[in-house]
Amino acid sequence: MFRIYSLAVVVLLLAALKGFPAGHPNLIWIMADDLGYGELGCFGQKEIPTPRIDRMAAEGMRFTHFYAGATVCAPSRSVLMTGLHHGHTRVRGNAGQTNPLAQALRPGDTTVADSLKAAGYKTALVGKWGLGDVGAAECGLPRRHGFDTFFGYLNQNHAHNHFPDYLWRDEQRVALPNRVVPVGKNGAGYATEAKVFADDLFADEAVRFVRENKTSPFFLYWSMVIPHANNERRAVLKNGAHVPDFGPFAGKDWPDTDKGHAAMIHRMDSYVGRMLDTLKELGIANNTLVIFTSDNGPHNESNHTLARFKPSGPFTGIKRSLTDGGIRVPFIAWWPGTVASGRVSTHVGYSGDFMATAAELAGSRAPEGLDSISLVPTLKGNGAVQKNHEFLYWEFHEGGFRQAALYQGRWKGIRSGSADAPVRLFDTDADPAEKINVAGKYPEIARKVGDYLVGARSDSADWPARWQNRKDDR
């Protein structure tokens, strides 16, 4: 009896020395900003080499049917953090500076970080937050929602500038040597003296956090800003792809906008490789699940050439579209020894599933009433017992309210104009570009999706459904 007890103690001590409670992995969620489904080599990109992320996919699992929580920044991050879909989560649109409280989490909103912190994890956010700010929206500050530490941008307008003159560490401003000229209604400006690239600092900070917490379970939410554009710089210099250098694309016979956009993605690729190398060096790779994905579809805000890069892959639309080009994103899971290498999954999931996944892996309890299904069975090769969503849901508020739902992972219904407008239905298996409305051919499926859309969302004083007729912008 004593020998068995002693052995158990030894096992627990060894687990502690390796930096985790037995069976509970470290979790790293790496999210690019406005990276399209087709902008990585392992998802079909031909012009921009991404060797480190391609290797990550080869060593892990690549998901081909994974979706962002929304088609724009803030609600997508709210879905990720809360495990509630776009019609239930707190933040449902980009409110900007006009109503900052509408773009902030509130007391009582439980995040992934809250859940993991309660389970004993060290938690950090590095990069872009977008769900709270100093002043009127301070109820949404990261450290009020489960993060032990934060370094980066609090609001998304500030994050337009890759060379800011300050960032935030927790609630304190950290001055940077860049000189910024405010421009336009957002006031984010652009750097006339660009010395320090924010995402370089974020990569350093992410690696530092992992090194300092290698002996304890940790959750790192690494929310990159690249390849998002600097919209203010674009307005002045016609080039929103602001990057320290053009790297391997300097000699290309391309416009500078294209060189800059490609250089951002190539730089991002090196950051991911650096993190995976660090985990291997520290000996904790086998106990760390790393996810790489994007917050929504690709942007068209740098004045770069979409036709050159084909960022949406085989899908129609970009950021702000409810067709798959705006919401289907690259998704890669890497966990040596647990996630089998070289696997491709067609499981249909979305970023809101991270809440349930993280809770299961951490041995904690997720809140009740979520729109979140754990991906652990798929990650561990037990796809036969993987639960599935009957519906996934999105909405969009800019220029008139719109809704979309994916039924049984195949049938996409989109409604715009009015609450009783007919649903346009697309068979995403047969028609991934969503060109052919098949509502007339499959009226029962169209009716089922339409009925779901009627009750899919909860009321929100901040984000009411304001229907209006508009052109189909697919």
Protein backbone atom coordinates (compact mmCIF):
# COMPACT_ATOMS: atom_id res chain seq x y z
CA MET A 1 0.00 0.00 0.00
CA PHE A 2 2.80 2.37 0.95
CA ARG A 3 4.69 1.58 -2.26
CA ILE A 4 1.60 2.36 -4.37
CA TYR A 5 1.04 5.63 -2.52
CA SER A 6 4.71 6.59 -2.93
CA LEU A 7 4.59 5.85 -6.63
CA ALA A 8 1.57 8.11 -7.02
CA VAL A 9 3.42 10.89 -5.21
CA VAL A 10 6.41 10.45 -7.49
CA VAL A 11 4.19 10.62 -10.58
CA LEU A 12 2.58 13.85 -9.35
CA LEU A 13 5.96 15.35 -8.47
CA LEU A 14 7.34 14.50 -11.89
CA ALA A 15 4.28 16.06 -13.49
CA ALA A 16 4.79 19.20 -11.44
CA LEU A 17 8.46 19.38 -12.42
CA LYS A 18 7.46 19.08 -16.05
CA GLY A 19 5.08 21.99 -15.54
CA PHE A 20 1.56 20.55 -15.52
CA PRO A 21 -0.96 18.58 -13.50
CA ALA A 22 -1.06 15.04 -14.83
CA GLY A 23 -3.19 14.93 -17.98
CA HIS A 24 -3.78 18.69 -18.33
CA PRO A 25 -1.87 20.27 -21.24
CA ASN A 26 -0.70 23.82 -21.79
CA LEU A 27 -2.88 25.65 -24.30
CA ILE A 28 -1.76 28.19 -26.90
CA TRP A 29 -4.26 29.84 -29.22
CA ILE A 30 -2.49 31.76 -32.00
CA MET A 31 -4.81 33.91 -34.08
CA ALA A 32 -3.92 35.97 -37.13
CA ASP A 33 -5.96 39.06 -37.99
CA ASP A 34 -7.78 39.02 -41.36
CA LEU A 35 -5.88 36.00 -42.71
CA GLY A 36 -7.87 34.24 -45.42
CA TYR A 37 -8.47 30.52 -45.81
CA GLY A 38 -6.26 30.47 -48.91
CA GLU A 39 -3.29 32.50 -47.63
CA LEU A 40 -1.20 29.59 -46.32
CA GLY A 41 0.72 27.11 -48.42
CA CYS A 42 -0.95 24.15 -46.72
CA PHE A 43 -4.33 25.62 -47.73
CA GLY A 44 -3.37 26.25 -51.35
CA GLN A 45 -1.42 29.54 -51.40
CA LYS A 46 1.08 29.67 -54.29
CA GLU A 47 2.70 33.11 -54.04
CA ILE A 48 3.55 33.42 -50.32
CA PRO A 49 5.78 30.76 -48.76
CA THR A 50 4.69 29.71 -45.26
CA PRO A 51 7.10 26.83 -44.54
CA ARG A 52 6.81 26.81 -40.75
CA ILE A 53 3.03 26.77 -40.62
CA ASP A 54 2.99 24.20 -43.43
CA ARG A 55 5.30 22.06 -41.29
CA MET A 56 3.00 22.61 -38.30
CA ALA A 57 0.14 21.24 -40.40
CA ALA A 58 2.25 18.28 -41.53
CA GLU A 59 3.12 17.49 -37.92
CA GLY A 60 -0.45 18.01 -36.72
CA MET A 61 -4.04 18.15 -37.92
CA ARG A 62 -5.43 20.49 -40.57
CA PHE A 63 -9.16 21.29 -40.44
CA THR A 64 -10.75 22.10 -43.80
CA HIS A 65 -14.26 23.00 -42.55
CA PHE A 66 -13.59 25.34 -39.66
CA TYR A 67 -15.28 28.70 -39.14
CA ALA A 68 -14.63 31.96 -37.34
CA GLY A 69 -17.17 33.22 -34.85
CA ALA A 70 -17.98 36.25 -37.02
CA THR A 71 -16.98 37.96 -40.23
CA VAL A 72 -15.37 40.94 -38.46
CA CYS A 73 -13.01 41.43 -35.57
CA ALA A 74 -14.76 42.23 -32.29
CA PRO A 75 -17.68 39.76 -32.39
CA SER A 76 -15.38 37.00 -33.58
CA ARG A 77 -13.21 37.54 -30.50
CA SER A 78 -16.28 37.68 -28.28
CA VAL A 79 -17.47 34.32 -29.61
CA LEU A 80 -14.02 32.82 -29.05
CA MET A 81 -13.79 34.09 -25.48
CA THR A 82 -17.34 33.23 -24.36
CA GLY A 83 -18.20 30.04 -26.26
CA LEU A 84 -21.49 31.67 -27.27
CA HIS A 85 -22.38 32.01 -30.94
CA HIS A 86 -22.81 35.34 -32.69
CA GLY A 87 -26.47 35.71 -31.73
CA HIS A 88 -25.83 35.02 -28.04
CA THR A 89 -22.41 36.49 -27.29
CA ARG A 90 -22.03 39.90 -25.68
CA VAL A 91 -20.27 41.81 -28.48
CA ARG A 92 -21.92 41.40 -31.89
CA GLY A 93 -20.26 44.06 -34.01
CA ASN A 94 -17.50 46.63 -34.38
CA ALA A 95 -18.81 49.63 -32.46
CA GLY A 96 -15.63 51.71 -32.71
CA GLN A 97 -15.46 54.86 -30.63
CA THR A 98 -19.12 55.82 -31.05
CA ASN A 99 -20.34 53.39 -28.38
CA PRO A 100 -17.36 51.73 -26.69
CA LEU A 101 -19.49 49.96 -24.10
CA ALA A 102 -21.24 48.02 -26.88
CA GLN A 103 -17.86 46.54 -27.70
CA ALA A 104 -16.94 45.48 -24.17
CA LEU A 105 -17.44 42.37 -22.11
CA ARG A 106 -19.39 42.99 -18.89
CA PRO A 107 -19.26 41.65 -15.33
CA GLY A 108 -20.70 38.17 -15.37
CA ASP A 109 -19.42 37.28 -18.84
CA THR A 110 -17.30 34.16 -18.37
CA THR A 111 -14.34 33.72 -20.69
CA VAL A 112 -12.06 30.84 -21.58
CA ALA A 113 -9.40 32.59 -19.50
CA ASP A 114 -11.74 32.72 -16.47
CA SER A 115 -12.36 28.99 -16.75
CA LEU A 116 -8.69 28.09 -17.13
CA LYS A 117 -7.53 30.43 -14.38
CA ALA A 118 -10.01 28.78 -12.01
CA ALA A 119 -8.46 25.43 -12.99
CA GLY A 120 -5.01 26.62 -11.92
CA TYR A 121 -3.62 27.84 -15.24
CA LYS A 122 -1.44 30.91 -15.65
CA THR A 123 -3.13 33.03 -18.30
CA ALA A 124 -1.79 35.68 -20.67
CA LEU A 125 -3.08 37.73 -23.56
CA VAL A 126 -0.53 39.07 -26.01
CA GLY A 127 -1.56 41.30 -28.92
CA LYS A 128 -4.99 42.64 -29.83
CA TRP A 129 -7.93 42.49 -27.41
CA GLY A 130 -10.83 44.56 -28.78
CA LEU A 131 -13.34 43.70 -26.03
CA GLY A 132 -12.77 46.52 -23.55
CA ASP A 133 -10.76 49.68 -23.05
CA VAL A 134 -9.77 52.22 -20.45
CA GLY A 135 -12.49 54.74 -19.67
CA ALA A 136 -16.13 53.99 -20.44
CA ALA A 137 -15.45 50.37 -21.41
CA GLU A 138 -13.06 49.41 -18.60
CA CYS A 139 -15.49 46.67 -17.49
CA GLY A 140 -14.08 44.72 -20.44
CA LEU A 141 -10.39 45.03 -19.63
CA PRO A 142 -8.51 41.73 -20.04
CA ARG A 143 -7.50 41.36 -16.39
CA ARG A 144 -11.16 41.63 -15.39
CA HIS A 145 -11.90 38.61 -17.57
CA GLY A 146 -9.43 35.97 -16.48
CA PHE A 147 -6.06 37.09 -17.80
CA ASP A 148 -3.20 37.37 -15.32
CA THR A 149 -1.18 39.51 -17.72
CA PHE A 150 -1.79 41.52 -20.87
CA PHE A 151 0.51 43.22 -23.36
CA GLY A 152 -0.77 44.81 -26.55
CA TYR A 153 -3.59 46.91 -27.98
CA LEU A 154 -6.84 47.36 -26.06
CA ASN A 155 -8.99 48.70 -28.91
CA GLN A 156 -8.99 47.77 -32.56
CA ASN A 157 -8.59 51.29 -33.95
CA HIS A 158 -5.31 51.66 -32.09
CA ALA A 159 -4.31 48.30 -33.57
CA HIS A 160 -4.61 49.66 -37.11
CA ASN A 161 -1.09 51.04 -36.66
CA HIS A 162 1.64 48.40 -36.69
CA PHE A 163 4.13 51.00 -35.46
CA PRO A 164 2.30 52.65 -32.53
CA ASP A 165 3.87 55.16 -30.16
CA TYR A 166 2.60 53.18 -27.17
CA LEU A 167 1.12 49.84 -26.16
CA TRP A 168 -0.55 48.68 -22.97
CA ARG A 169 0.95 46.43 -20.30
CA ASP A 170 -2.00 45.55 -18.14
CA GLU A 171 -3.55 49.01 -17.58
CA GLN A 172 -0.34 51.01 -17.98
CA ARG A 173 0.86 52.71 -21.16
CA VAL A 174 4.28 51.62 -22.41
CA ALA A 175 5.92 54.28 -24.61
CA LEU A 176 7.54 53.19 -27.88
CA PRO A 177 10.02 55.16 -30.04
CA ASN A 178 7.74 55.34 -33.09
CA ARG A 179 6.44 58.78 -34.13
CA VAL A 180 2.76 58.71 -35.09
CA VAL A 181 0.69 61.25 -37.01
CA PRO A 182 -3.06 60.96 -36.28
CA VAL A 183 -5.19 60.77 -39.42
CA GLY A 184 -8.89 60.36 -40.16
CA LYS A 185 -11.95 59.82 -38.01
CA ASN A 186 -10.42 56.92 -36.08
CA GLY A 187 -7.34 58.90 -35.11
CA ALA A 188 -5.17 55.78 -35.18
CA GLY A 189 -2.71 57.47 -37.51
CA TYR A 190 0.39 56.09 -39.12
CA ALA A 191 4.06 56.15 -38.19
CA THR A 192 6.29 58.68 -39.92
CA GLU A 193 9.20 57.31 -37.88
CA ALA A 194 8.67 53.56 -37.84
CA LYS A 195 11.23 51.95 -35.58
CA VAL A 196 9.49 49.18 -33.62
CA PHE A 197 7.01 46.75 -35.21
CA ALA A 198 4.36 45.75 -32.69
CA ASP A 199 4.06 42.12 -33.78
CA ASP A 200 7.82 41.66 -33.31
CA LEU A 201 7.30 42.74 -29.70
CA PHE A 202 4.36 40.38 -29.36
CA ALA A 203 6.42 37.44 -30.58
CA ASP A 204 9.09 38.26 -27.99
CA GLU A 205 6.46 38.58 -25.26
CA ALA A 206 4.74 35.31 -26.18
CA VAL A 207 8.00 33.37 -26.06
CA ARG A 208 8.98 35.07 -22.78
CA PHE A 209 5.68 34.07 -21.17
CA VAL A 210 6.12 30.44 -22.21
CA ARG A 211 9.69 30.34 -20.91
CA GLU A 212 8.72 31.87 -17.57
CA ASN A 213 5.80 29.48 -17.08
CA LYS A 214 7.25 26.25 -18.42
CA THR A 215 6.86 24.54 -15.03
CA SER A 216 3.19 25.40 -14.53
CA PRO A 217 0.14 24.88 -16.72
CA PHE A 218 -0.50 27.94 -18.85
CA PHE A 219 -2.90 29.40 -21.38
CA LEU A 220 -1.52 31.85 -23.92
CA TYR A 221 -3.89 33.74 -26.18
CA TRP A 222 -1.54 35.19 -28.81
CA SER A 223 -3.68 37.55 -30.84
CA MET A 224 -1.51 38.83 -33.69
CA VAL A 225 -2.37 41.96 -35.69
CA ILE A 226 -0.82 40.90 -38.99
CA PRO A 227 -1.83 40.82 -41.79
CA HIS A 228 -4.44 43.49 -40.93
CA ALA A 229 -4.05 46.76 -42.84
CA ASN A 230 -3.33 50.22 -41.52
CA ASN A 231 -6.41 51.94 -42.92
CA GLU A 232 -5.24 55.43 -42.00
CA ARG A 233 -1.90 55.00 -43.74
CA ARG A 234 -3.71 53.68 -46.80
CA ALA A 235 -5.80 56.85 -46.90
CA VAL A 236 -2.67 59.01 -47.05
CA LEU A 237 -0.06 56.90 -48.84
CA LYS A 238 -2.39 54.48 -50.71
CA ASN A 239 -0.58 51.61 -49.00
CA GLY A 240 -1.94 50.01 -45.86
CA ALA A 241 0.48 47.07 -45.88
CA HIS A 242 3.00 48.58 -43.46
CA VAL A 243 5.80 46.21 -42.54
CA PRO A 244 9.48 46.70 -41.53
CA ASP A 245 10.78 45.32 -44.82
CA PHE A 246 9.63 43.37 -47.84
CA GLY A 247 11.81 40.38 -46.98
CA PRO A 248 12.00 37.78 -49.77
CA PHE A 249 9.52 39.77 -51.85
CA ALA A 250 11.68 42.89 -52.23
CA GLY A 251 12.81 41.88 -55.72
CA LYS A 252 9.37 40.92 -56.99
CA ASP A 253 7.86 42.85 -59.87
CA TRP A 254 4.85 43.62 -57.70
CA PRO A 255 3.29 46.80 -56.31
CA ASP A 256 4.60 47.70 -52.85
CA THR A 257 1.15 46.94 -51.44
CA ASP A 258 1.48 43.32 -52.57
CA LYS A 259 5.05 43.04 -51.33
CA GLY A 260 4.03 44.39 -47.94
CA HIS A 261 1.04 42.10 -47.60
CA ALA A 262 3.08 39.01 -48.51
CA ALA A 263 5.89 40.09 -46.18
CA MET A 264 3.47 40.31 -43.27
CA ILE A 265 2.29 36.74 -43.79
CA HIS A 266 5.83 35.47 -44.26
CA ARG A 267 6.86 37.25 -41.04
CA MET A 268 3.88 35.75 -39.22
CA ASP A 269 5.00 32.32 -40.38
CA SER A 270 8.41 32.85 -38.77
CA TYR A 271 6.77 33.79 -35.45
CA VAL A 272 4.83 30.54 -35.37
CA GLY A 273 7.96 28.54 -36.15
CA ARG A 274 9.82 30.31 -33.36
CA MET A 275 7.14 29.34 -30.85
CA LEU A 276 7.10 25.69 -31.88
CA ASP A 277 10.92 25.60 -31.70
CA THR A 278 10.75 27.08 -28.20
CA LEU A 279 8.31 24.44 -27.00
CA LYS A 280 10.57 21.69 -28.32
CA GLU A 281 13.66 23.30 -26.79
CA LEU A 282 11.96 23.52 -23.37
CA GLY A 283 10.82 19.90 -23.56
CA ILE A 284 7.13 20.76 -23.19
CA ALA A 285 5.94 20.29 -26.78
CA ASN A 286 4.33 16.95 -25.97
CA ASN A 287 2.23 18.60 -23.30
CA THR A 288 1.17 21.67 -25.26
CA LEU A 289 -1.75 21.99 -27.64
CA VAL A 290 -1.11 24.79 -30.12
CA ILE A 291 -3.92 26.08 -32.32
CA PHE A 292 -3.32 28.38 -35.28
CA THR A 293 -6.23 30.14 -36.99
CA SER A 294 -7.66 33.52 -38.07
CA ASP A 295 -10.37 35.78 -36.66
CA ASN A 296 -12.27 36.09 -39.97
CA GLY A 297 -11.79 36.07 -43.72
CA PRO A 298 -9.24 38.13 -45.66
CA HIS A 299 -9.36 41.91 -45.94
CA ASN A 300 -9.16 44.17 -48.97
CA GLU A 301 -7.93 47.18 -47.03
CA SER A 302 -4.25 47.51 -47.98
CA ASN A 303 -4.88 48.25 -51.65
CA HIS A 304 -3.14 44.96 -52.41
CA THR A 305 -4.14 42.70 -55.30
CA LEU A 306 -6.64 40.03 -54.29
CA ALA A 307 -6.42 38.38 -57.70
CA ARG A 308 -2.72 37.70 -57.15
CA PHE A 309 -3.09 35.92 -53.82
CA LYS A 310 -6.61 34.45 -54.07
CA PRO A 311 -6.92 34.76 -50.27
CA SER A 312 -10.42 33.26 -50.00
CA GLY A 313 -9.33 30.04 -51.68
CA PRO A 314 -12.26 28.36 -53.45
CA PHE A 315 -14.87 30.42 -51.61
CA THR A 316 -16.79 33.58 -52.42
CA GLY A 317 -16.44 36.78 -50.42
CA ILE A 318 -13.99 38.32 -48.01
CA LYS A 319 -14.18 39.92 -44.57
CA ARG A 320 -17.71 41.31 -43.97
CA SER A 321 -19.28 38.60 -46.13
CA LEU A 322 -21.45 35.82 -44.75
CA THR A 323 -20.47 33.52 -47.59
CA ASP A 324 -17.63 31.17 -46.66
CA GLY A 325 -14.91 33.50 -47.91
CA GLY A 326 -15.73 35.79 -44.99
CA ILE A 327 -15.99 33.17 -42.26
CA ARG A 328 -14.26 29.89 -43.18
CA VAL A 329 -10.72 30.09 -41.85
CA PRO A 330 -7.54 28.03 -41.72
CA PHE A 331 -7.34 25.95 -38.55
CA ILE A 332 -4.39 23.79 -37.48
CA ALA A 333 -3.96 21.79 -34.27
CA TRP A 334 -0.46 20.72 -33.18
CA TRP A 335 0.15 18.52 -30.15
CA PRO A 336 3.04 16.05 -30.64
CA GLY A 337 2.28 12.60 -29.32
CA THR A 338 -1.47 13.25 -29.03
CA VAL A 339 -2.66 14.80 -32.30
CA ALA A 340 -1.52 12.39 -34.99
CA SER A 341 0.69 13.97 -37.63
CA GLY A 342 -0.42 14.49 -41.20
CA ARG A 343 -4.13 14.26 -40.46
CA VAL A 344 -6.81 16.21 -42.30
CA SER A 345 -10.19 16.64 -40.62
CA THR A 346 -13.45 17.58 -42.30
CA HIS A 347 -15.15 18.06 -38.95
CA VAL A 348 -17.30 21.20 -39.02
CA GLY A 349 -16.50 23.39 -36.05
CA TYR A 350 -16.01 27.02 -35.13
CA SER A 351 -13.96 29.11 -32.74
CA GLY A 352 -16.69 29.04 -30.09
CA ASP A 353 -15.83 25.37 -29.60
CA PHE A 354 -12.58 26.33 -27.88
CA MET A 355 -14.38 26.99 -24.58
CA ALA A 356 -15.64 23.42 -24.24
CA THR A 357 -12.39 22.00 -25.61
CA ALA A 358 -10.26 23.93 -23.13
CA ALA A 359 -12.53 23.03 -20.21
CA GLU A 360 -12.33 19.33 -21.00
CA LEU A 361 -8.56 19.39 -21.37
CA ALA A 362 -8.09 21.40 -18.16
CA GLY A 363 -10.47 19.24 -16.15
CA SER A 364 -12.68 22.24 -15.41
CA ARG A 365 -16.39 22.80 -15.88
CA ALA A 366 -17.56 25.07 -18.67
CA PRO A 367 -20.52 27.37 -17.94
CA GLU A 368 -24.01 26.12 -18.68
CA GLY A 369 -25.90 27.10 -21.79
CA LEU A 370 -22.96 27.47 -24.17
CA ASP A 371 -22.92 27.04 -27.95
CA SER A 372 -19.69 25.08 -27.64
CA ILE A 373 -18.78 21.46 -28.37
CA SER A 374 -15.44 19.99 -27.35
CA LEU A 375 -13.10 19.05 -30.18
CA VAL A 376 -11.13 16.66 -27.97
CA PRO A 377 -12.47 13.46 -29.60
CA THR A 378 -11.36 14.66 -33.05
CA LEU A 379 -8.01 15.87 -31.75
CA LYS A 380 -7.35 12.51 -30.13
CA GLY A 381 -8.42 10.50 -33.16
CA ASN A 382 -11.81 9.44 -31.77
CA GLY A 383 -13.91 11.02 -34.49
CA ALA A 384 -16.58 8.33 -34.20
CA VAL A 385 -17.69 9.81 -30.86
CA GLN A 386 -17.30 13.47 -31.86
CA LYS A 387 -20.49 15.48 -31.31
CA ASN A 388 -21.61 17.85 -34.05
CA HIS A 389 -23.50 21.12 -34.25
CA GLU A 390 -26.85 20.90 -35.96
CA PHE A 391 -26.51 24.61 -36.80
CA LEU A 392 -23.78 27.23 -36.79
CA TYR A 393 -24.93 30.86 -36.72
CA TRP A 394 -23.64 34.29 -37.79
CA GLU A 395 -25.06 37.79 -38.15
CA PHE A 396 -23.77 41.12 -39.43
CA HIS A 397 -24.89 44.64 -38.57
CA GLU A 398 -23.09 47.01 -40.95
CA GLY A 399 -25.29 48.51 -43.68
CA GLY A 400 -28.36 46.57 -42.63
CA PHE A 401 -28.85 43.43 -40.57
CA ARG A 402 -28.14 40.02 -42.10
CA GLN A 403 -28.14 36.46 -40.80
CA ALA A 404 -26.60 33.18 -41.89
CA ALA A 405 -26.70 29.62 -40.63
CA LEU A 406 -24.98 26.41 -41.64
CA TYR A 407 -27.21 23.36 -41.25
CA GLN A 408 -25.72 19.88 -40.82
CA GLY A 409 -22.33 21.23 -41.92
CA ARG A 410 -23.54 21.50 -45.51
CA TRP A 411 -26.50 23.78 -46.15
CA LYS A 412 -25.82 27.53 -45.87
CA GLY A 413 -28.83 29.80 -45.54
CA ILE A 414 -28.51 33.60 -45.76
CA ARG A 415 -31.31 36.08 -44.99
CA SER A 416 -31.21 39.84 -45.57
CA GLY A 417 -33.67 42.66 -46.11
CA SER A 418 -36.35 41.70 -43.58
CA ALA A 419 -37.14 39.14 -40.91
CA ASP A 420 -39.50 37.30 -43.25
CA ALA A 421 -37.40 37.55 -46.40
CA PRO A 422 -36.85 34.24 -48.20
CA VAL A 423 -33.69 32.37 -47.32
CA ARG A 424 -31.10 31.96 -50.04
CA LEU A 425 -29.85 28.39 -49.70
CA PHE A 426 -26.51 27.00 -50.89
CA ASP A 427 -25.16 23.46 -50.92
CA THR A 428 -21.60 24.14 -49.77
CA ASP A 429 -20.52 20.56 -50.55
CA ALA A 430 -21.50 20.73 -54.22
CA ASP A 431 -21.13 24.50 -54.58
CA PRO A 432 -18.41 25.81 -52.20
CA ALA A 433 -18.43 29.20 -53.93
CA GLU A 434 -22.15 29.58 -53.06
CA LYS A 435 -23.15 30.67 -56.55
CA ILE A 436 -26.39 28.72 -56.98
CA ASN A 437 -29.44 29.34 -54.80
CA VAL A 438 -31.07 25.94 -54.35
CA ALA A 439 -33.93 27.02 -52.06
CA GLY A 440 -36.44 26.14 -54.78
CA LYS A 441 -34.96 22.69 -55.21
CA TYR A 442 -34.82 21.93 -51.48
CA PRO A 443 -37.74 23.90 -49.98
CA GLU A 444 -37.95 21.85 -46.79
CA ILE A 445 -34.30 22.50 -45.96
CA ALA A 446 -34.73 26.20 -46.75
CA ARG A 447 -37.78 26.31 -44.47
CA LYS A 448 -35.91 24.55 -41.66
CA VAL A 449 -33.00 27.00 -41.89
CA GLY A 450 -35.40 29.94 -42.08
CA ASP A 451 -37.29 28.76 -38.99
CA TYR A 452 -34.01 28.41 -37.12
CA LEU A 453 -32.93 31.94 -38.03
CA VAL A 454 -36.13 33.38 -36.54
CA GLY A 455 -35.21 32.20 -33.06
CA ALA A 456 -31.45 31.86 -33.30
CA ARG A 457 -30.53 35.09 -31.54
CA SER A 458 -31.31 36.60 -28.17
CA ASP A 459 -32.33 40.24 -27.91
CA SER A 460 -29.54 42.74 -27.35
CA ALA A 461 -30.03 46.41 -26.51
CA ASP A 462 -26.56 47.11 -27.87
CA TRP A 463 -27.06 45.11 -31.05
CA PRO A 464 -30.72 45.07 -32.15
CA ALA A 465 -31.68 43.56 -35.49
CA ARG A 466 -32.20 46.59 -37.74
CA TRP A 467 -33.35 45.15 -41.04
CA GLN A 468 -33.19 47.21 -44.22
CA ASN A 469 -33.21 46.45 -47.90
CA ARG A 470 -29.75 46.37 -49.41
CA LYS A 471 -27.95 44.94 -52.36
CA ASP A 472 -26.61 41.45 -52.06
CA ASP A 473 -22.91 42.10 -51.49
CA ARG A 474 -21.68 38.57 -51.97
